[in-house]
Amino acid sequence: MGRPLPVGNGLYKLGKTTMDKGTADISATVYGWSVKIEIKVGTDKLSSYQINYAKRVQHAGGFYFVARDFESFLVWFDKLREEATNE
């Protein structure tokens, strides 16, 4: 389940999470749309859980983006904003 974490004078052991495996690092509602952003650094790759999560988000009409650097995120977000303002 996880290693014990010191809390005050005792130890706290984390239990099972209720989150789905593969959930994005950032979840937000932007312009009324569900937006999920996964942050990857260097050669980090999406896990199979993350790939399936991304497909489910997109199938439901949400937006999923893998941010590898801030500049590409800004380009993507500007396109999202442009699409939202053209509706």
PDB file of N, CA and C in Angstrom:
ATOM      1  N   MET A   1       0.808  -1.197   0.000  1.00  0.00           N
ATOM      2  CA  MET A   1       0.000   0.000   0.000  1.00  0.00           C
ATOM      3  C   MET A   1       0.849   1.259   0.000  1.00  0.00           C
ATOM      4  N   GLY A   2       2.003   1.219   0.459  1.00  0.00           N
ATOM      5  CA  GLY A   2       2.845   2.401   0.504  1.00  0.00           C
ATOM      6  C   GLY A   2       3.661   2.415   1.774  1.00  0.00           C
ATOM      7  N   ARG A   3       4.667   3.234   1.779  1.00  0.00           N
ATOM      8  CA  ARG A   3       5.515   3.294   2.960  1.00  0.00           C
ATOM      9  C   ARG A   3       4.911   4.252   3.977  1.00  0.00           C
ATOM     10  N   PRO A   4       5.144   4.000   5.255  1.00  0.00           N
ATOM     11  CA  PRO A   4       4.614   4.888   6.297  1.00  0.00           C
ATOM     12  C   PRO A   4       5.253   6.274   6.207  1.00  0.00           C
ATOM     13  N   LEU A   5       4.454   7.300   6.412  1.00  0.00           N
ATOM     14  CA  LEU A   5       4.939   8.677   6.395  1.00  0.00           C
ATOM     15  C   LEU A   5       4.869   9.240   7.805  1.00  0.00           C
ATOM     16  N   PRO A   6       5.939   9.937   8.262  1.00  0.00           N
ATOM     17  CA  PRO A   6       5.889  10.522   9.592  1.00  0.00           C
ATOM     18  C   PRO A   6       4.906  11.696   9.625  1.00  0.00           C
ATOM     19  N   VAL A   7       3.991  11.659  10.588  1.00  0.00           N
ATOM     20  CA  VAL A   7       3.022  12.735  10.786  1.00  0.00           C
ATOM     21  C   VAL A   7       2.952  12.991  12.289  1.00  0.00           C
ATOM     22  N   GLY A   8       3.396  14.166  12.693  1.00  0.00           N
ATOM     23  CA  GLY A   8       3.410  14.468  14.124  1.00  0.00           C
ATOM     24  C   GLY A   8       4.298  13.491  14.858  1.00  0.00           C
ATOM     25  N   ASN A   9       3.760  12.869  15.907  1.00  0.00           N
ATOM     26  CA  ASN A   9       4.515  11.902  16.710  1.00  0.00           C
ATOM     27  C   ASN A   9       4.329  10.467  16.236  1.00  0.00           C
ATOM     28  N   GLY A  10       3.581  10.259  15.167  1.00  0.00           N
ATOM     29  CA  GLY A  10       3.298   8.906  14.718  1.00  0.00           C
ATOM     30  C   GLY A  10       3.607   8.712  13.244  1.00  0.00           C
ATOM     31  N   LEU A  11       3.175   7.589  12.733  1.00  0.00           N
ATOM     32  CA  LEU A  11       3.338   7.275  11.314  1.00  0.00           C
ATOM     33  C   LEU A  11       1.968   7.104  10.688  1.00  0.00           C
ATOM     34  N   TYR A  12       1.849   7.545   9.457  1.00  0.00           N
ATOM     35  CA  TYR A  12       0.599   7.423   8.722  1.00  0.00           C
ATOM     36  C   TYR A  12       0.888   6.592   7.489  1.00  0.00           C
ATOM     37  N   LYS A  13       0.124   5.545   7.286  1.00  0.00           N
ATOM     38  CA  LYS A  13       0.307   4.704   6.107  1.00  0.00           C
ATOM     39  C   LYS A  13      -0.821   4.997   5.123  1.00  0.00           C
ATOM     40  N   LEU A  14      -0.436   5.358   3.923  1.00  0.00           N
ATOM     41  CA  LEU A  14      -1.413   5.674   2.896  1.00  0.00           C
ATOM     42  C   LEU A  14      -2.175   4.432   2.487  1.00  0.00           C
ATOM     43  N   GLY A  15      -3.469   4.569   2.310  1.00  0.00           N
ATOM     44  CA  GLY A  15      -4.298   3.469   1.841  1.00  0.00           C
ATOM     45  C   GLY A  15      -4.412   3.503   0.334  1.00  0.00           C
ATOM     46  N   LYS A  16      -5.280   2.682  -0.177  1.00  0.00           N
ATOM     47  CA  LYS A  16      -5.514   2.662  -1.618  1.00  0.00           C
ATOM     48  C   LYS A  16      -6.134   3.974  -2.048  1.00  0.00           C
ATOM     49  N   THR A  17      -5.761   4.420  -3.207  1.00  0.00           N
ATOM     50  CA  THR A  17      -6.318   5.647  -3.757  1.00  0.00           C
ATOM     51  C   THR A  17      -7.649   5.365  -4.439  1.00  0.00           C
ATOM     52  N   THR A  18      -8.485   6.370  -4.523  1.00  0.00           N
ATOM     53  CA  THR A  18      -9.742   6.223  -5.256  1.00  0.00           C
ATOM     54  C   THR A  18      -9.621   6.782  -6.664  1.00  0.00           C
ATOM     55  N   MET A  19      -8.464   7.323  -7.001  1.00  0.00           N
ATOM     56  CA  MET A  19      -8.258   7.886  -8.335  1.00  0.00           C
ATOM     57  C   MET A  19      -8.024   6.765  -9.346  1.00  0.00           C
ATOM     58  N   ASP A  20      -8.467   7.006 -10.566  1.00  0.00           N
ATOM     59  CA  ASP A  20      -8.197   6.065 -11.649  1.00  0.00           C
ATOM     60  C   ASP A  20      -6.719   6.118 -12.007  1.00  0.00           C
ATOM     61  N   LYS A  21      -6.151   4.961 -12.339  1.00  0.00           N
ATOM     62  CA  LYS A  21      -4.780   4.956 -12.846  1.00  0.00           C
ATOM     63  C   LYS A  21      -4.768   5.700 -14.169  1.00  0.00           C
ATOM     64  N   GLY A  22      -3.736   6.505 -14.361  1.00  0.00           N
ATOM     65  CA  GLY A  22      -3.595   7.224 -15.619  1.00  0.00           C
ATOM     66  C   GLY A  22      -4.175   8.620 -15.613  1.00  0.00           C
ATOM     67  N   THR A  23      -4.810   9.029 -14.509  1.00  0.00           N
ATOM     68  CA  THR A  23      -5.402  10.367 -14.431  1.00  0.00           C
ATOM     69  C   THR A  23      -4.342  11.421 -14.714  1.00  0.00           C
ATOM     70  N   ALA A  24      -4.724  12.467 -15.431  1.00  0.00           N
ATOM     71  CA  ALA A  24      -3.791  13.535 -15.805  1.00  0.00           C
ATOM     72  C   ALA A  24      -3.330  14.324 -14.584  1.00  0.00           C
ATOM     73  N   ASP A  25      -2.175  14.969 -14.726  1.00  0.00           N
ATOM     74  CA  ASP A  25      -1.616  15.776 -13.641  1.00  0.00           C
ATOM     75  C   ASP A  25      -2.487  16.990 -13.325  1.00  0.00           C
ATOM     76  N   ILE A  26      -3.064  17.582 -14.351  1.00  0.00           N
ATOM     77  CA  ILE A  26      -3.892  18.780 -14.174  1.00  0.00           C
ATOM     78  C   ILE A  26      -5.249  18.532 -14.813  1.00  0.00           C
ATOM     79  N   SER A  27      -6.305  18.784 -14.057  1.00  0.00           N
ATOM     80  CA  SER A  27      -7.680  18.691 -14.563  1.00  0.00           C
ATOM     81  C   SER A  27      -8.332  20.042 -14.348  1.00  0.00           C
ATOM     82  N   ALA A  28      -8.934  20.567 -15.385  1.00  0.00           N
ATOM     83  CA  ALA A  28      -9.551  21.889 -15.283  1.00  0.00           C
ATOM     84  C   ALA A  28     -10.748  21.987 -16.210  1.00  0.00           C
ATOM     85  N   THR A  29     -11.559  22.978 -15.955  1.00  0.00           N
ATOM     86  CA  THR A  29     -12.622  23.347 -16.879  1.00  0.00           C
ATOM     87  C   THR A  29     -12.242  24.694 -17.457  1.00  0.00           C
ATOM     88  N   VAL A  30     -12.079  24.744 -18.771  1.00  0.00           N
ATOM     89  CA  VAL A  30     -11.637  25.958 -19.455  1.00  0.00           C
ATOM     90  C   VAL A  30     -12.663  26.280 -20.528  1.00  0.00           C
ATOM     91  N   TYR A  31     -13.236  27.469 -20.448  1.00  0.00           N
ATOM     92  CA  TYR A  31     -14.279  27.878 -21.402  1.00  0.00           C
ATOM     93  C   TYR A  31     -15.430  26.871 -21.420  1.00  0.00           C
ATOM     94  N   GLY A  32     -15.678  26.243 -20.284  1.00  0.00           N
ATOM     95  CA  GLY A  32     -16.755  25.271 -20.174  1.00  0.00           C
ATOM     96  C   GLY A  32     -16.395  23.875 -20.660  1.00  0.00           C
ATOM     97  N   TRP A  33     -15.167  23.683 -21.078  1.00  0.00           N
ATOM     98  CA  TRP A  33     -14.717  22.390 -21.586  1.00  0.00           C
ATOM     99  C   TRP A  33     -13.852  21.674 -20.552  1.00  0.00           C
ATOM    100  N   SER A  34     -13.928  20.344 -20.542  1.00  0.00           N
ATOM    101  CA  SER A  34     -13.066  19.538 -19.690  1.00  0.00           C
ATOM    102  C   SER A  34     -11.682  19.462 -20.336  1.00  0.00           C
ATOM    103  N   VAL A  35     -10.667  19.884 -19.585  1.00  0.00           N
ATOM    104  CA  VAL A  35      -9.301  19.926 -20.091  1.00  0.00           C
ATOM    105  C   VAL A  35      -8.406  19.132 -19.137  1.00  0.00           C
ATOM    106  N   LYS A  36      -7.639  18.224 -19.690  1.00  0.00           N
ATOM    107  CA  LYS A  36      -6.716  17.402 -18.913  1.00  0.00           C
ATOM    108  C   LYS A  36      -5.314  17.591 -19.476  1.00  0.00           C
ATOM    109  N   ILE A  37      -4.357  17.844 -18.597  1.00  0.00           N
ATOM    110  CA  ILE A  37      -2.983  18.098 -19.023  1.00  0.00           C
ATOM    111  C   ILE A  37      -2.050  17.155 -18.275  1.00  0.00           C
ATOM    112  N   GLU A  38      -1.279  16.401 -19.027  1.00  0.00           N
ATOM    113  CA  GLU A  38      -0.270  15.511 -18.462  1.00  0.00           C
ATOM    114  C   GLU A  38       1.095  16.156 -18.705  1.00  0.00           C
ATOM    115  N   ILE A  39       1.909  16.248 -17.674  1.00  0.00           N
ATOM    116  CA  ILE A  39       3.231  16.863 -17.786  1.00  0.00           C
ATOM    117  C   ILE A  39       4.282  15.767 -17.880  1.00  0.00           C
ATOM    118  N   LYS A  40       5.083  15.837 -18.926  1.00  0.00           N
ATOM    119  CA  LYS A  40       6.159  14.880 -19.130  1.00  0.00           C
ATOM    120  C   LYS A  40       7.457  15.654 -19.338  1.00  0.00           C
ATOM    121  N   VAL A  41       8.524  15.153 -18.733  1.00  0.00           N
ATOM    122  CA  VAL A  41       9.826  15.815 -18.813  1.00  0.00           C
ATOM    123  C   VAL A  41      10.829  14.859 -19.442  1.00  0.00           C
ATOM    124  N   GLY A  42      11.650  15.392 -20.308  1.00  0.00           N
ATOM    125  CA  GLY A  42      12.705  14.579 -20.922  1.00  0.00           C
ATOM    126  C   GLY A  42      12.145  13.445 -21.746  1.00  0.00           C
ATOM    127  N   THR A  43      12.592  12.242 -21.450  1.00  0.00           N
ATOM    128  CA  THR A  43      12.177  11.077 -22.235  1.00  0.00           C
ATOM    129  C   THR A  43      10.987  10.341 -21.612  1.00  0.00           C
ATOM    130  N   ASP A  44      10.363  10.943 -20.589  1.00  0.00           N
ATOM    131  CA  ASP A  44       9.181  10.318 -19.984  1.00  0.00           C
ATOM    132  C   ASP A  44       8.137  10.038 -21.052  1.00  0.00           C
ATOM    133  N   LYS A  45       7.488   8.879 -20.941  1.00  0.00           N
ATOM    134  CA  LYS A  45       6.454   8.481 -21.901  1.00  0.00           C
ATOM    135  C   LYS A  45       5.159   8.204 -21.171  1.00  0.00           C
ATOM    136  N   LEU A  46       4.058   8.279 -21.913  1.00  0.00           N
ATOM    137  CA  LEU A  46       2.763   7.944 -21.342  1.00  0.00           C
ATOM    138  C   LEU A  46       2.696   6.448 -21.057  1.00  0.00           C
ATOM    139  N   SER A  47       2.112   6.100 -19.927  1.00  0.00           N
ATOM    140  CA  SER A  47       1.879   4.692 -19.624  1.00  0.00           C
ATOM    141  C   SER A  47       0.646   4.226 -20.400  1.00  0.00           C
ATOM    142  N   SER A  48       0.424   2.935 -20.436  1.00  0.00           N
ATOM    143  CA  SER A  48      -0.772   2.417 -21.113  1.00  0.00           C
ATOM    144  C   SER A  48      -2.032   2.938 -20.416  1.00  0.00           C
ATOM    145  N   TYR A  49      -1.982   3.112 -19.090  1.00  0.00           N
ATOM    146  CA  TYR A  49      -3.122   3.670 -18.366  1.00  0.00           C
ATOM    147  C   TYR A  49      -3.396   5.109 -18.809  1.00  0.00           C
ATOM    148  N   GLN A  50      -2.336   5.888 -18.992  1.00  0.00           N
ATOM    149  CA  GLN A  50      -2.496   7.277 -19.416  1.00  0.00           C
ATOM    150  C   GLN A  50      -3.025   7.370 -20.847  1.00  0.00           C
ATOM    151  N   ILE A  51      -2.574   6.490 -21.707  1.00  0.00           N
ATOM    152  CA  ILE A  51      -3.062   6.479 -23.093  1.00  0.00           C
ATOM    153  C   ILE A  51      -4.556   6.163 -23.109  1.00  0.00           C
ATOM    154  N   ASN A  52      -4.970   5.171 -22.346  1.00  0.00           N
ATOM    155  CA  ASN A  52      -6.390   4.820 -22.287  1.00  0.00           C
ATOM    156  C   ASN A  52      -7.216   5.946 -21.674  1.00  0.00           C
ATOM    157  N   TYR A  53      -6.686   6.592 -20.643  1.00  0.00           N
ATOM    158  CA  TYR A  53      -7.377   7.723 -20.017  1.00  0.00           C
ATOM    159  C   TYR A  53      -7.567   8.850 -21.034  1.00  0.00           C
ATOM    160  N   ALA A  54      -6.507   9.158 -21.796  1.00  0.00           N
ATOM    161  CA  ALA A  54      -6.576  10.209 -22.807  1.00  0.00           C
ATOM    162  C   ALA A  54      -7.663   9.895 -23.839  1.00  0.00           C
ATOM    163  N   LYS A  55      -7.732   8.647 -24.262  1.00  0.00           N
ATOM    164  CA  LYS A  55      -8.755   8.245 -25.238  1.00  0.00           C
ATOM    165  C   LYS A  55     -10.159   8.432 -24.674  1.00  0.00           C
ATOM    166  N   ARG A  56     -10.343   8.070 -23.399  1.00  0.00           N
ATOM    167  CA  ARG A  56     -11.658   8.233 -22.777  1.00  0.00           C
ATOM    168  C   ARG A  56     -12.047   9.708 -22.667  1.00  0.00           C
ATOM    169  N   VAL A  57     -11.093  10.547 -22.315  1.00  0.00           N
ATOM    170  CA  VAL A  57     -11.357  11.991 -22.218  1.00  0.00           C
ATOM    171  C   VAL A  57     -11.775  12.530 -23.578  1.00  0.00           C
ATOM    172  N   GLN A  58     -11.017  12.213 -24.605  1.00  0.00           N
ATOM    173  CA  GLN A  58     -11.301  12.716 -25.943  1.00  0.00           C
ATOM    174  C   GLN A  58     -12.607  12.148 -26.485  1.00  0.00           C
ATOM    175  N   HIS A  59     -12.884  10.883 -26.218  1.00  0.00           N
ATOM    176  CA  HIS A  59     -14.132  10.267 -26.674  1.00  0.00           C
ATOM    177  C   HIS A  59     -15.346  10.968 -26.055  1.00  0.00           C
ATOM    178  N   ALA A  60     -15.180  11.449 -24.833  1.00  0.00           N
ATOM    179  CA  ALA A  60     -16.265  12.142 -24.131  1.00  0.00           C
ATOM    180  C   ALA A  60     -16.354  13.620 -24.522  1.00  0.00           C
ATOM    181  N   GLY A  61     -15.488  14.070 -25.438  1.00  0.00           N
ATOM    182  CA  GLY A  61     -15.539  15.451 -25.904  1.00  0.00           C
ATOM    183  C   GLY A  61     -14.604  16.398 -25.173  1.00  0.00           C
ATOM    184  N   GLY A  62     -13.753  15.851 -24.315  1.00  0.00           N
ATOM    185  CA  GLY A  62     -12.797  16.679 -23.586  1.00  0.00           C
ATOM    186  C   GLY A  62     -11.506  16.859 -24.368  1.00  0.00           C
ATOM    187  N   PHE A  63     -10.616  17.634 -23.801  1.00  0.00           N
ATOM    188  CA  PHE A  63      -9.325  17.929 -24.421  1.00  0.00           C
ATOM    189  C   PHE A  63      -8.215  17.363 -23.547  1.00  0.00           C
ATOM    190  N   TYR A  64      -7.251  16.706 -24.158  1.00  0.00           N
ATOM    191  CA  TYR A  64      -6.128  16.096 -23.450  1.00  0.00           C
ATOM    192  C   TYR A  64      -4.856  16.559 -24.123  1.00  0.00           C
ATOM    193  N   PHE A  65      -3.910  17.048 -23.329  1.00  0.00           N
ATOM    194  CA  PHE A  65      -2.653  17.546 -23.890  1.00  0.00           C
ATOM    195  C   PHE A  65      -1.488  17.040 -23.057  1.00  0.00           C
ATOM    196  N   VAL A  66      -0.436  16.596 -23.733  1.00  0.00           N
ATOM    197  CA  VAL A  66       0.798  16.203 -23.066  1.00  0.00           C
ATOM    198  C   VAL A  66       1.765  17.381 -23.196  1.00  0.00           C
ATOM    199  N   ALA A  67       2.049  18.019 -22.071  1.00  0.00           N
ATOM    200  CA  ALA A  67       2.934  19.185 -22.052  1.00  0.00           C
ATOM    201  C   ALA A  67       4.366  18.728 -21.794  1.00  0.00           C
ATOM    202  N   ARG A  68       5.212  18.971 -22.773  1.00  0.00           N
ATOM    203  CA  ARG A  68       6.628  18.621 -22.624  1.00  0.00           C
ATOM    204  C   ARG A  68       7.479  19.864 -22.380  1.00  0.00           C
ATOM    205  N   ASP A  69       6.930  21.015 -22.711  1.00  0.00           N
ATOM    206  CA  ASP A  69       7.590  22.283 -22.415  1.00  0.00           C
ATOM    207  C   ASP A  69       6.530  23.377 -22.416  1.00  0.00           C
ATOM    208  N   PHE A  70       6.856  24.493 -21.804  1.00  0.00           N
ATOM    209  CA  PHE A  70       5.867  25.544 -21.621  1.00  0.00           C
ATOM    210  C   PHE A  70       5.471  26.197 -22.951  1.00  0.00           C
ATOM    211  N   GLU A  71       6.414  26.328 -23.860  1.00  0.00           N
ATOM    212  CA  GLU A  71       6.128  26.978 -25.136  1.00  0.00           C
ATOM    213  C   GLU A  71       5.083  26.200 -25.942  1.00  0.00           C
ATOM    214  N   SER A  72       5.219  24.873 -26.018  1.00  0.00           N
ATOM    215  CA  SER A  72       4.238  24.078 -26.780  1.00  0.00           C
ATOM    216  C   SER A  72       2.878  24.101 -26.087  1.00  0.00           C
ATOM    217  N   PHE A  73       2.884  24.165 -24.758  1.00  0.00           N
ATOM    218  CA  PHE A  73       1.625  24.303 -24.036  1.00  0.00           C
ATOM    219  C   PHE A  73       0.941  25.610 -24.410  1.00  0.00           C
ATOM    220  N   LEU A  74       1.688  26.703 -24.455  1.00  0.00           N
ATOM    221  CA  LEU A  74       1.090  28.001 -24.808  1.00  0.00           C
ATOM    222  C   LEU A  74       0.495  27.987 -26.206  1.00  0.00           C
ATOM    223  N   VAL A  75       1.185  27.372 -27.159  1.00  0.00           N
ATOM    224  CA  VAL A  75       0.664  27.266 -28.532  1.00  0.00           C
ATOM    225  C   VAL A  75      -0.650  26.494 -28.515  1.00  0.00           C
ATOM    226  N   TRP A  76      -0.672  25.356 -27.826  1.00  0.00           N
ATOM    227  CA  TRP A  76      -1.888  24.550 -27.731  1.00  0.00           C
ATOM    228  C   TRP A  76      -3.011  25.330 -27.054  1.00  0.00           C
ATOM    229  N   PHE A  77      -2.702  25.996 -25.956  1.00  0.00           N
ATOM    230  CA  PHE A  77      -3.731  26.722 -25.217  1.00  0.00           C
ATOM    231  C   PHE A  77      -4.282  27.889 -26.037  1.00  0.00           C
ATOM    232  N   ASP A  78      -3.424  28.575 -26.792  1.00  0.00           N
ATOM    233  CA  ASP A  78      -3.905  29.657 -27.666  1.00  0.00           C
ATOM    234  C   ASP A  78      -4.875  29.130 -28.712  1.00  0.00           C
ATOM    235  N   LYS A  79      -4.612  27.940 -29.265  1.00  0.00           N
ATOM    236  CA  LYS A  79      -5.531  27.327 -30.234  1.00  0.00           C
ATOM    237  C   LYS A  79      -6.855  26.970 -29.561  1.00  0.00           C
ATOM    238  N   LEU A  80      -6.782  26.466 -28.336  1.00  0.00           N
ATOM    239  CA  LEU A  80      -7.991  26.143 -27.583  1.00  0.00           C
ATOM    240  C   LEU A  80      -8.821  27.402 -27.343  1.00  0.00           C
ATOM    241  N   ARG A  81      -8.155  28.474 -26.939  1.00  0.00           N
ATOM    242  CA  ARG A  81      -8.842  29.749 -26.695  1.00  0.00           C
ATOM    243  C   ARG A  81      -9.470  30.286 -27.978  1.00  0.00           C
ATOM    244  N   GLU A  82      -8.736  30.174 -29.077  1.00  0.00           N
ATOM    245  CA  GLU A  82      -9.251  30.636 -30.372  1.00  0.00           C
ATOM    246  C   GLU A  82     -10.494  29.838 -30.766  1.00  0.00           C
ATOM    247  N   GLU A  83     -10.450  28.526 -30.583  1.00  0.00           N
ATOM    248  CA  GLU A  83     -11.609  27.691 -30.899  1.00  0.00           C
ATOM    249  C   GLU A  83     -12.808  28.060 -30.031  1.00  0.00           C
ATOM    250  N   ALA A  84     -12.554  28.316 -28.762  1.00  0.00           N
ATOM    251  CA  ALA A  84     -13.635  28.656 -27.829  1.00  0.00           C
ATOM    252  C   ALA A  84     -14.277  29.996 -28.187  1.00  0.00           C
ATOM    253  N   THR A  85     -13.497  30.954 -28.608  1.00  0.00           N
ATOM    254  CA  THR A  85     -14.048  32.270 -28.923  1.00  0.00           C
ATOM    255  C   THR A  85     -14.719  32.316 -30.275  1.00  0.00           C
ATOM    256  N   ASN A  86     -14.470  31.313 -31.123  1.00  0.00           N
ATOM    257  CA  ASN A  86     -15.106  31.261 -32.443  1.00  0.00           C
ATOM    258  C   ASN A  86     -16.431  30.500 -32.418  1.00  0.00           C
ATOM    259  N   GLU A  87     -16.794  29.940 -31.272  1.00  0.00           N
ATOM    260  CA  GLU A  87     -18.068  29.183 -31.193  1.00  0.00           C
ATOM    261  C   GLU A  87     -19.232  30.123 -31.117  1.00  0.00           C
TER     262      GLU A  87
END
